[in-house]
PDB file of all heavy atoms in Angstrom:
ATOM      1  N   ILE A   1     106.832  78.344  19.090  1.00  0.00           N
ATOM      2  CA  ILE A   1     106.598  77.005  18.702  1.00  0.00           C
ATOM      3  C   ILE A   1     107.506  76.056  19.400  1.00  0.00           C
ATOM      4  O   ILE A   1     106.963  74.873  19.770  1.00  0.00           O
ATOM      5  CB  ILE A   1     106.800  76.976  17.100  1.00  0.00           C
ATOM      6  CG1 ILE A   1     105.644  77.754  16.442  1.00  0.00           C
ATOM      7  CG2 ILE A   1     106.732  75.492  16.639  1.00  0.00           C
ATOM      8  CD1 ILE A   1     105.851  77.748  14.964  1.00  0.00           C
ATOM      9  N   ASN A   2     108.726  76.317  19.404  1.00  0.00           N
ATOM     10  CA  ASN A   2     109.688  75.432  20.151  1.00  0.00           C
ATOM     11  C   ASN A   2     109.306  75.294  21.686  1.00  0.00           C
ATOM     12  O   ASN A   2     109.532  74.309  22.241  1.00  0.00           O
ATOM     13  CB  ASN A   2     111.131  75.976  20.049  1.00  0.00           C
ATOM     14  CG  ASN A   2     111.607  75.833  18.677  1.00  0.00           C
ATOM     15  OD1 ASN A   2     111.222  75.120  17.842  1.00  0.00           O
ATOM     16  ND2 ASN A   2     112.666  76.761  18.309  1.00  0.00           N
ATOM     17  N   TRP A   3     108.815  76.451  22.202  1.00  0.00           N
ATOM     18  CA  TRP A   3     108.373  76.300  23.727  1.00  0.00           C
ATOM     19  C   TRP A   3     107.328  75.319  23.880  1.00  0.00           C
ATOM     20  O   TRP A   3     107.275  74.498  24.804  1.00  0.00           O
ATOM     21  CB  TRP A   3     108.013  77.680  24.097  1.00  0.00           C
ATOM     22  CG  TRP A   3     107.676  77.791  25.599  1.00  0.00           C
ATOM     23  CD1 TRP A   3     108.562  77.982  26.610  1.00  0.00           C
ATOM     24  CD2 TRP A   3     106.430  77.590  26.207  1.00  0.00           C
ATOM     25  NE1 TRP A   3     107.833  78.044  27.909  1.00  0.00           N
ATOM     26  CE2 TRP A   3     106.538  77.830  27.572  1.00  0.00           C
ATOM     27  CE3 TRP A   3     105.117  77.421  25.774  1.00  0.00           C
ATOM     28  CZ2 TRP A   3     105.589  77.739  28.555  1.00  0.00           C
ATOM     29  CZ3 TRP A   3     104.045  77.335  26.642  1.00  0.00           C
ATOM     30  CH2 TRP A   3     104.305  77.491  28.012  1.00  0.00           C
ATOM     31  N   PHE A   4     106.278  75.357  23.032  1.00  0.00           N
ATOM     32  CA  PHE A   4     105.226  74.396  23.052  1.00  0.00           C
ATOM     33  C   PHE A   4     105.702  72.893  22.782  1.00  0.00           C
ATOM     34  O   PHE A   4     105.357  71.980  23.481  1.00  0.00           O
ATOM     35  CB  PHE A   4     104.120  74.666  22.087  1.00  0.00           C
ATOM     36  CG  PHE A   4     103.196  75.689  22.423  1.00  0.00           C
ATOM     37  CD1 PHE A   4     102.956  76.870  21.651  1.00  0.00           C
ATOM     38  CD2 PHE A   4     102.380  75.668  23.631  1.00  0.00           C
ATOM     39  CE1 PHE A   4     102.163  77.961  22.103  1.00  0.00           C
ATOM     40  CE2 PHE A   4     101.538  76.647  24.015  1.00  0.00           C
ATOM     41  CZ  PHE A   4     101.351  77.708  23.276  1.00  0.00           C
ATOM     42  N   HIS A   5     106.645  72.788  21.763  1.00  0.00           N
ATOM     43  CA  HIS A   5     107.224  71.495  21.474  1.00  0.00           C
ATOM     44  C   HIS A   5     107.890  70.951  22.734  1.00  0.00           C
ATOM     45  O   HIS A   5     107.755  69.652  23.104  1.00  0.00           O
ATOM     46  CB  HIS A   5     108.112  71.558  20.378  1.00  0.00           C
ATOM     47  CG  HIS A   5     108.698  70.310  19.889  1.00  0.00           C
ATOM     48  ND1 HIS A   5     107.984  69.124  19.599  1.00  0.00           N
ATOM     49  CD2 HIS A   5     110.083  70.022  19.685  1.00  0.00           C
ATOM     50  CE1 HIS A   5     108.879  68.266  19.275  1.00  0.00           C
ATOM     51  NE2 HIS A   5     110.036  68.585  19.385  1.00  0.00           N
ATOM     52  N   LYS A   6     108.564  71.755  23.475  1.00  0.00           N
ATOM     53  CA  LYS A   6     109.295  71.259  24.662  1.00  0.00           C
ATOM     54  C   LYS A   6     108.418  70.993  25.907  1.00  0.00           C
ATOM     55  O   LYS A   6     108.638  69.986  26.529  1.00  0.00           O
ATOM     56  CB  LYS A   6     110.470  72.348  25.065  1.00  0.00           C
ATOM     57  CG  LYS A   6     111.117  71.979  26.291  1.00  0.00           C
ATOM     58  CD  LYS A   6     112.169  73.186  26.703  1.00  0.00           C
ATOM     59  CE  LYS A   6     112.891  72.796  27.940  1.00  0.00           C
ATOM     60  NZ  LYS A   6     113.855  73.824  28.353  1.00  0.00           N
ATOM     61  N   ASN A   7     107.506  71.910  26.051  1.00  0.00           N
ATOM     62  CA  ASN A   7     106.706  71.891  27.366  1.00  0.00           C
ATOM     63  C   ASN A   7     105.449  71.056  27.172  1.00  0.00           C
ATOM     64  O   ASN A   7     104.975  70.638  28.182  1.00  0.00           O
ATOM     65  CB  ASN A   7     106.416  73.278  27.835  1.00  0.00           C
ATOM     66  CG  ASN A   7     107.601  74.078  28.270  1.00  0.00           C
ATOM     67  OD1 ASN A   7     108.074  73.793  29.370  1.00  0.00           O
ATOM     68  ND2 ASN A   7     108.128  74.815  27.488  1.00  0.00           N
ATOM     69  N   TYR A   8     104.863  70.935  26.078  1.00  0.00           N
ATOM     70  CA  TYR A   8     103.642  70.131  25.783  1.00  0.00           C
ATOM     71  C   TYR A   8     103.916  68.930  25.014  1.00  0.00           C
ATOM     72  O   TYR A   8     102.959  68.072  24.707  1.00  0.00           O
ATOM     73  CB  TYR A   8     102.650  71.025  25.133  1.00  0.00           C
ATOM     74  CG  TYR A   8     101.912  72.056  26.033  1.00  0.00           C
ATOM     75  CD1 TYR A   8     102.550  73.310  26.238  1.00  0.00           C
ATOM     76  CD2 TYR A   8     100.643  71.822  26.481  1.00  0.00           C
ATOM     77  CE1 TYR A   8     101.927  74.210  26.995  1.00  0.00           C
ATOM     78  CE2 TYR A   8     100.067  72.790  27.289  1.00  0.00           C
ATOM     79  CZ  TYR A   8     100.753  73.998  27.557  1.00  0.00           C
ATOM     80  OH  TYR A   8     100.078  74.919  28.358  1.00  0.00           O
ATOM     81  N   GLU A   9     105.110  68.796  24.367  1.00  0.00           N
ATOM     82  CA  GLU A   9     105.654  67.696  23.634  1.00  0.00           C
ATOM     83  C   GLU A   9     104.770  67.601  22.328  1.00  0.00           C
ATOM     84  O   GLU A   9     104.402  66.547  21.779  1.00  0.00           O
ATOM     85  CB  GLU A   9     105.545  66.313  24.304  1.00  0.00           C
ATOM     86  CG  GLU A   9     106.428  66.283  25.612  1.00  0.00           C
ATOM     87  CD  GLU A   9     106.389  64.958  26.292  1.00  0.00           C
ATOM     88  OE1 GLU A   9     105.311  64.314  26.268  1.00  0.00           O
ATOM     89  OE2 GLU A   9     107.353  64.718  26.904  1.00  0.00           O
ATOM     90  N   THR A  10     104.368  68.812  21.835  1.00  0.00           N
ATOM     91  CA  THR A  10     103.394  68.825  20.663  1.00  0.00           C
ATOM     92  C   THR A  10     104.286  68.422  19.336  1.00  0.00           C
ATOM     93  O   THR A  10     105.354  68.894  19.138  1.00  0.00           O
ATOM     94  CB  THR A  10     102.871  70.217  20.551  1.00  0.00           C
ATOM     95  OG1 THR A  10     103.861  71.206  20.602  1.00  0.00           O
ATOM     96  CG2 THR A  10     101.842  70.417  21.450  1.00  0.00           C
ATOM     97  N   SER A  11     103.597  67.749  18.447  1.00  0.00           N
ATOM     98  CA  SER A  11     104.166  67.538  17.214  1.00  0.00           C
ATOM     99  C   SER A  11     103.733  68.493  16.090  1.00  0.00           C
ATOM    100  O   SER A  11     104.446  68.827  15.200  1.00  0.00           O
ATOM    101  CB  SER A  11     103.737  65.996  16.748  1.00  0.00           C
ATOM    102  OG  SER A  11     104.067  65.032  17.637  1.00  0.00           O
ATOM    103  N   VAL A  12     102.435  68.962  16.262  1.00  0.00           N
ATOM    104  CA  VAL A  12     101.849  69.924  15.288  1.00  0.00           C
ATOM    105  C   VAL A  12     100.820  70.764  16.083  1.00  0.00           C
ATOM    106  O   VAL A  12     100.485  70.480  17.216  1.00  0.00           O
ATOM    107  CB  VAL A  12     101.104  69.142  14.163  1.00  0.00           C
ATOM    108  CG1 VAL A  12     102.025  68.541  13.229  1.00  0.00           C
ATOM    109  CG2 VAL A  12      99.950  68.322  14.704  1.00  0.00           C
ATOM    110  N   GLU A  13     100.409  71.812  15.589  1.00  0.00           N
ATOM    111  CA  GLU A  13      99.344  72.601  16.048  1.00  0.00           C
ATOM    112  C   GLU A  13      98.261  72.920  15.050  1.00  0.00           C
ATOM    113  O   GLU A  13      98.502  72.969  13.814  1.00  0.00           O
ATOM    114  CB  GLU A  13      99.834  73.942  16.587  1.00  0.00           C
ATOM    115  CG  GLU A  13     100.297  75.000  15.547  1.00  0.00           C
ATOM    116  CD  GLU A  13     100.368  76.374  16.168  1.00  0.00           C
ATOM    117  OE1 GLU A  13     101.214  76.557  17.029  1.00  0.00           O
ATOM    118  OE2 GLU A  13      99.795  77.341  15.543  1.00  0.00           O
ATOM    119  N   GLU A  14      97.010  73.080  15.504  1.00  0.00           N
ATOM    120  CA  GLU A  14      95.889  73.297  14.675  1.00  0.00           C
ATOM    121  C   GLU A  14      94.843  74.082  15.607  1.00  0.00           C
ATOM    122  O   GLU A  14      95.196  74.486  16.656  1.00  0.00           O
ATOM    123  CB  GLU A  14      95.324  72.248  13.834  1.00  0.00           C
ATOM    124  CG  GLU A  14      95.431  70.984  14.528  1.00  0.00           C
ATOM    125  CD  GLU A  14      94.297  70.630  15.468  1.00  0.00           C
ATOM    126  OE1 GLU A  14      94.010  71.441  16.392  1.00  0.00           O
ATOM    127  OE2 GLU A  14      93.617  69.545  15.226  1.00  0.00           O
ATOM    128  N   MET A  15      93.557  74.080  15.049  1.00  0.00           N
ATOM    129  CA  MET A  15      92.658  75.014  15.798  1.00  0.00           C
ATOM    130  C   MET A  15      91.315  74.258  16.250  1.00  0.00           C
ATOM    131  O   MET A  15      90.458  74.857  16.585  1.00  0.00           O
ATOM    132  CB  MET A  15      92.353  76.208  15.045  1.00  0.00           C
ATOM    133  CG  MET A  15      93.578  77.111  14.667  1.00  0.00           C
ATOM    134  SD  MET A  15      93.141  78.460  13.634  1.00  0.00           S
ATOM    135  CE  MET A  15      92.107  79.521  14.830  1.00  0.00           C
ATOM    136  N   GLU A  16      91.343  72.859  16.239  1.00  0.00           N
ATOM    137  CA  GLU A  16      90.030  72.182  16.353  1.00  0.00           C
ATOM    138  C   GLU A  16      90.192  70.898  17.216  1.00  0.00           C
ATOM    139  O   GLU A  16      89.266  70.687  18.085  1.00  0.00           O
ATOM    140  CB  GLU A  16      89.484  71.824  14.980  1.00  0.00           C
ATOM    141  CG  GLU A  16      89.017  73.055  14.137  1.00  0.00           C
ATOM    142  CD  GLU A  16      90.148  73.603  13.320  1.00  0.00           C
ATOM    143  OE1 GLU A  16      91.188  72.844  12.900  1.00  0.00           O
ATOM    144  OE2 GLU A  16      89.950  74.696  12.825  1.00  0.00           O
ATOM    145  N   SER A  17      91.109  70.066  17.065  1.00  0.00           N
ATOM    146  CA  SER A  17      91.021  68.675  17.590  1.00  0.00           C
ATOM    147  C   SER A  17      90.650  68.615  19.076  1.00  0.00           C
ATOM    148  O   SER A  17      89.917  67.787  19.426  1.00  0.00           O
ATOM    149  CB  SER A  17      92.276  67.920  17.237  1.00  0.00           C
ATOM    150  OG  SER A  17      92.345  67.737  15.853  1.00  0.00           O
ATOM    151  N   ALA A  18      91.451  69.454  19.866  1.00  0.00           N
ATOM    152  CA  ALA A  18      91.243  69.128  21.323  1.00  0.00           C
ATOM    153  C   ALA A  18      89.807  69.488  21.746  1.00  0.00           C
ATOM    154  O   ALA A  18      89.338  68.880  22.727  1.00  0.00           O
ATOM    155  CB  ALA A  18      92.250  70.125  21.972  1.00  0.00           C
ATOM    156  N   SER A  19      89.095  70.473  21.113  1.00  0.00           N
ATOM    157  CA  SER A  19      87.695  70.732  21.553  1.00  0.00           C
ATOM    158  C   SER A  19      86.885  69.715  21.171  1.00  0.00           C
ATOM    159  O   SER A  19      85.835  69.229  21.840  1.00  0.00           O
ATOM    160  CB  SER A  19      87.287  72.048  20.886  1.00  0.00           C
ATOM    161  OG  SER A  19      87.357  72.038  19.475  1.00  0.00           O
ATOM    162  N   SER A  20      87.106  68.968  19.951  1.00  0.00           N
ATOM    163  CA  SER A  20      86.250  67.775  19.586  1.00  0.00           C
ATOM    164  C   SER A  20      86.637  66.551  20.422  1.00  0.00           C
ATOM    165  O   SER A  20      85.631  65.888  20.922  1.00  0.00           O
ATOM    166  CB  SER A  20      86.569  67.461  18.174  1.00  0.00           C
ATOM    167  OG  SER A  20      85.803  66.378  17.748  1.00  0.00           O
ATOM    168  N   ALA A  21      87.784  66.511  20.953  1.00  0.00           N
ATOM    169  CA  ALA A  21      88.048  65.413  21.810  1.00  0.00           C
ATOM    170  C   ALA A  21      87.558  65.574  23.137  1.00  0.00           C
ATOM    171  O   ALA A  21      87.054  64.622  23.760  1.00  0.00           O
ATOM    172  CB  ALA A  21      89.713  65.380  21.897  1.00  0.00           C
ATOM    173  N   MET A  22      87.473  66.717  23.738  1.00  0.00           N
ATOM    174  CA  MET A  22      86.817  67.094  24.915  1.00  0.00           C
ATOM    175  C   MET A  22      85.217  66.735  24.958  1.00  0.00           C
ATOM    176  O   MET A  22      84.740  66.057  25.757  1.00  0.00           O
ATOM    177  CB  MET A  22      87.027  68.692  25.340  1.00  0.00           C
ATOM    178  CG  MET A  22      86.333  69.005  26.652  1.00  0.00           C
ATOM    179  SD  MET A  22      86.612  70.702  27.067  1.00  0.00           S
ATOM    180  CE  MET A  22      85.399  71.445  25.958  1.00  0.00           C
ATOM    181  N   ILE A  23      84.621  67.118  23.853  1.00  0.00           N
ATOM    182  CA  ILE A  23      83.182  66.816  23.771  1.00  0.00           C
ATOM    183  C   ILE A  23      82.929  65.337  23.637  1.00  0.00           C
ATOM    184  O   ILE A  23      82.044  64.739  24.025  1.00  0.00           O
ATOM    185  CB  ILE A  23      82.533  67.680  22.644  1.00  0.00           C
ATOM    186  CG1 ILE A  23      82.679  69.065  22.892  1.00  0.00           C
ATOM    187  CG2 ILE A  23      81.071  67.255  22.513  1.00  0.00           C
ATOM    188  CD1 ILE A  23      82.070  69.684  24.072  1.00  0.00           C
ATOM    189  N   SER A  24      83.824  64.779  22.736  1.00  0.00           N
ATOM    190  CA  SER A  24      83.694  63.287  22.593  1.00  0.00           C
ATOM    191  C   SER A  24      83.901  62.411  23.833  1.00  0.00           C
ATOM    192  O   SER A  24      83.095  61.559  24.119  1.00  0.00           O
ATOM    193  CB  SER A  24      84.777  62.752  21.523  1.00  0.00           C
ATOM    194  OG  SER A  24      84.614  63.419  20.205  1.00  0.00           O
ATOM    195  N   LYS A  25      84.831  62.938  24.607  1.00  0.00           N
ATOM    196  CA  LYS A  25      85.148  62.252  25.963  1.00  0.00           C
ATOM    197  C   LYS A  25      83.751  62.456  26.816  1.00  0.00           C
ATOM    198  O   LYS A  25      83.471  61.564  27.603  1.00  0.00           O
ATOM    199  CB  LYS A  25      86.271  62.806  26.573  1.00  0.00           C
ATOM    200  CG  LYS A  25      86.614  62.172  27.979  1.00  0.00           C
ATOM    201  CD  LYS A  25      87.922  62.635  28.474  1.00  0.00           C
ATOM    202  CE  LYS A  25      88.206  62.008  29.862  1.00  0.00           C
ATOM    203  NZ  LYS A  25      88.296  60.532  29.838  1.00  0.00           N
ATOM    204  N   ALA A  26      83.208  63.645  26.817  1.00  0.00           N
ATOM    205  CA  ALA A  26      82.022  63.905  27.598  1.00  0.00           C
ATOM    206  C   ALA A  26      80.915  62.912  27.292  1.00  0.00           C
ATOM    207  O   ALA A  26      80.140  62.580  28.176  1.00  0.00           O
ATOM    208  CB  ALA A  26      81.635  65.385  27.491  1.00  0.00           C
ATOM    209  N   TYR A  27      80.832  62.588  26.049  1.00  0.00           N
ATOM    210  CA  TYR A  27      79.715  61.714  25.555  1.00  0.00           C
ATOM    211  C   TYR A  27      80.249  60.175  25.455  1.00  0.00           C
ATOM    212  O   TYR A  27      79.470  59.311  24.907  1.00  0.00           O
ATOM    213  CB  TYR A  27      79.186  62.112  24.285  1.00  0.00           C
ATOM    214  CG  TYR A  27      78.332  63.308  24.282  1.00  0.00           C
ATOM    215  CD1 TYR A  27      78.760  64.557  24.201  1.00  0.00           C
ATOM    216  CD2 TYR A  27      76.895  63.090  24.432  1.00  0.00           C
ATOM    217  CE1 TYR A  27      77.939  65.647  24.254  1.00  0.00           C
ATOM    218  CE2 TYR A  27      76.013  64.295  24.491  1.00  0.00           C
ATOM    219  CZ  TYR A  27      76.464  65.494  24.383  1.00  0.00           C
ATOM    220  OH  TYR A  27      75.731  66.653  24.394  1.00  0.00           O
ATOM    221  N   ASP A  28      81.516  59.895  25.760  1.00  0.00           N
ATOM    222  CA  ASP A  28      82.069  58.620  25.702  1.00  0.00           C
ATOM    223  C   ASP A  28      82.065  58.011  24.311  1.00  0.00           C
ATOM    224  O   ASP A  28      81.687  56.899  24.074  1.00  0.00           O
ATOM    225  CB  ASP A  28      81.337  57.644  26.802  1.00  0.00           C
ATOM    226  CG  ASP A  28      82.110  56.385  27.002  1.00  0.00           C
ATOM    227  OD1 ASP A  28      83.507  56.486  26.901  1.00  0.00           O
ATOM    228  OD2 ASP A  28      81.460  55.366  27.289  1.00  0.00           O
ATOM    229  N   VAL A  29      82.358  58.824  23.339  1.00  0.00           N
ATOM    230  CA  VAL A  29      82.491  58.364  21.918  1.00  0.00           C
ATOM    231  C   VAL A  29      83.895  58.209  21.526  1.00  0.00           C
ATOM    232  O   VAL A  29      84.770  59.163  21.709  1.00  0.00           O
ATOM    233  CB  VAL A  29      81.735  59.457  20.974  1.00  0.00           C
ATOM    234  CG1 VAL A  29      81.913  59.035  19.521  1.00  0.00           C
ATOM    235  CG2 VAL A  29      80.429  59.778  21.315  1.00  0.00           C
ATOM    236  N   PRO A  30      84.436  57.091  20.991  1.00  0.00           N
ATOM    237  CA  PRO A  30      85.657  56.947  20.562  1.00  0.00           C
ATOM    238  C   PRO A  30      86.141  58.069  19.595  1.00  0.00           C
ATOM    239  O   PRO A  30      85.412  58.487  18.705  1.00  0.00           O
ATOM    240  CB  PRO A  30      85.740  55.573  19.853  1.00  0.00           C
ATOM    241  CG  PRO A  30      84.503  54.839  20.465  1.00  0.00           C
ATOM    242  CD  PRO A  30      83.459  55.927  20.731  1.00  0.00           C
ATOM    243  N   PHE A  31      87.392  58.578  19.821  1.00  0.00           N
ATOM    244  CA  PHE A  31      87.843  59.691  19.122  1.00  0.00           C
ATOM    245  C   PHE A  31      89.244  59.495  18.668  1.00  0.00           C
ATOM    246  O   PHE A  31      90.108  58.932  19.376  1.00  0.00           O
ATOM    247  CB  PHE A  31      87.747  60.981  19.833  1.00  0.00           C
ATOM    248  CG  PHE A  31      88.314  62.170  19.303  1.00  0.00           C
ATOM    249  CD1 PHE A  31      87.683  63.012  18.489  1.00  0.00           C
ATOM    250  CD2 PHE A  31      89.676  62.578  19.541  1.00  0.00           C
ATOM    251  CE1 PHE A  31      88.164  64.164  17.957  1.00  0.00           C
ATOM    252  CE2 PHE A  31      90.266  63.691  19.000  1.00  0.00           C
ATOM    253  CZ  PHE A  31      89.517  64.544  18.110  1.00  0.00           C
ATOM    254  N   LEU A  32      89.614  60.119  17.522  1.00  0.00           N
ATOM    255  CA  LEU A  32      90.952  60.183  17.019  1.00  0.00           C
ATOM    256  C   LEU A  32      91.165  61.424  16.182  1.00  0.00           C
ATOM    257  O   LEU A  32      90.307  61.749  15.218  1.00  0.00           O
ATOM    258  CB  LEU A  32      91.512  58.950  16.216  1.00  0.00           C
ATOM    259  CG  LEU A  32      92.836  58.887  15.664  1.00  0.00           C
ATOM    260  CD1 LEU A  32      93.784  58.783  16.884  1.00  0.00           C
ATOM    261  CD2 LEU A  32      92.967  57.736  14.713  1.00  0.00           C
ATOM    262  N   ALA A  33      92.199  62.118  16.335  1.00  0.00           N
ATOM    263  CA  ALA A  33      92.684  63.233  15.461  1.00  0.00           C
ATOM    264  C   ALA A  33      93.762  62.707  14.481  1.00  0.00           C
ATOM    265  O   ALA A  33      94.639  61.923  14.864  1.00  0.00           O
ATOM    266  CB  ALA A  33      93.193  64.436  16.330  1.00  0.00           C
ATOM    267  N   ILE A  34      93.604  63.091  13.141  1.00  0.00           N
ATOM    268  CA  ILE A  34      94.573  62.740  12.179  1.00  0.00           C
ATOM    269  C   ILE A  34      94.852  64.060  11.476  1.00  0.00           C
ATOM    270  O   ILE A  34      94.085  64.648  10.884  1.00  0.00           O
ATOM    271  CB  ILE A  34      94.103  61.721  11.312  1.00  0.00           C
ATOM    272  CG1 ILE A  34      93.681  60.348  11.995  1.00  0.00           C
ATOM    273  CG2 ILE A  34      95.122  61.382  10.135  1.00  0.00           C
ATOM    274  CD1 ILE A  34      93.188  59.339  11.132  1.00  0.00           C
ATOM    275  N   ARG A  35      96.114  64.491  11.480  1.00  0.00           N
ATOM    276  CA  ARG A  35      96.519  65.874  11.012  1.00  0.00           C
ATOM    277  C   ARG A  35      97.727  65.740  10.180  1.00  0.00           C
ATOM    278  O   ARG A  35      98.771  65.091  10.528  1.00  0.00           O
ATOM    279  CB  ARG A  35      96.805  66.797  12.095  1.00  0.00           C
ATOM    280  CG  ARG A  35      95.497  67.234  12.830  1.00  0.00           C
ATOM    281  CD  ARG A  35      94.570  68.188  11.946  1.00  0.00           C
ATOM    282  NE  ARG A  35      93.312  68.386  12.579  1.00  0.00           N
ATOM    283  CZ  ARG A  35      92.658  69.627  12.114  1.00  0.00           C
ATOM    284  NH1 ARG A  35      93.063  70.381  11.427  1.00  0.00           N
ATOM    285  NH2 ARG A  35      91.504  69.828  12.735  1.00  0.00           N
ATOM    286  N   ILE A  36      97.681  66.338   8.952  1.00  0.00           N
ATOM    287  CA  ILE A  36      98.858  66.384   8.088  1.00  0.00           C
ATOM    288  C   ILE A  36      99.449  67.732   8.177  1.00  0.00           C
ATOM    289  O   ILE A  36      98.920  68.764   8.352  1.00  0.00           O
ATOM    290  CB  ILE A  36      98.443  66.108   6.676  1.00  0.00           C
ATOM    291  CG1 ILE A  36      99.555  65.849   5.735  1.00  0.00           C
ATOM    292  CG2 ILE A  36      97.543  67.225   6.077  1.00  0.00           C
ATOM    293  CD1 ILE A  36      99.202  65.327   4.360  1.00  0.00           C
ATOM    294  N   LEU A  37     100.854  67.684   8.027  1.00  0.00           N
ATOM    295  CA  LEU A  37     101.593  68.977   8.123  1.00  0.00           C
ATOM    296  C   LEU A  37     101.447  69.755   6.751  1.00  0.00           C
ATOM    297  O   LEU A  37     101.866  69.133   5.658  1.00  0.00           O
ATOM    298  CB  LEU A  37     103.049  68.711   8.256  1.00  0.00           C
ATOM    299  CG  LEU A  37     103.497  68.695   9.721  1.00  0.00           C
ATOM    300  CD1 LEU A  37     103.111  67.255  10.385  1.00  0.00           C
ATOM    301  CD2 LEU A  37     104.971  68.915   9.883  1.00  0.00           C
ATOM    302  N   SER A  38     100.887  70.717   6.786  1.00  0.00           N
ATOM    303  CA  SER A  38     100.759  71.618   5.493  1.00  0.00           C
ATOM    304  C   SER A  38     101.967  72.659   5.457  1.00  0.00           C
ATOM    305  O   SER A  38     102.115  73.291   4.391  1.00  0.00           O
ATOM    306  CB  SER A  38      99.397  72.450   5.496  1.00  0.00           C
ATOM    307  OG  SER A  38      99.339  73.293   6.607  1.00  0.00           O
TER     308      SER A  38
END
């Protein structure tokens, strides 16, 4: 986790947002991910 935080500057991790962002960008649809720390 610390390695990702250092090398990717990640604040959190989950299993969905980046794939939705990729498809949204392909269709030029405005996108935002909002994630709470559980």
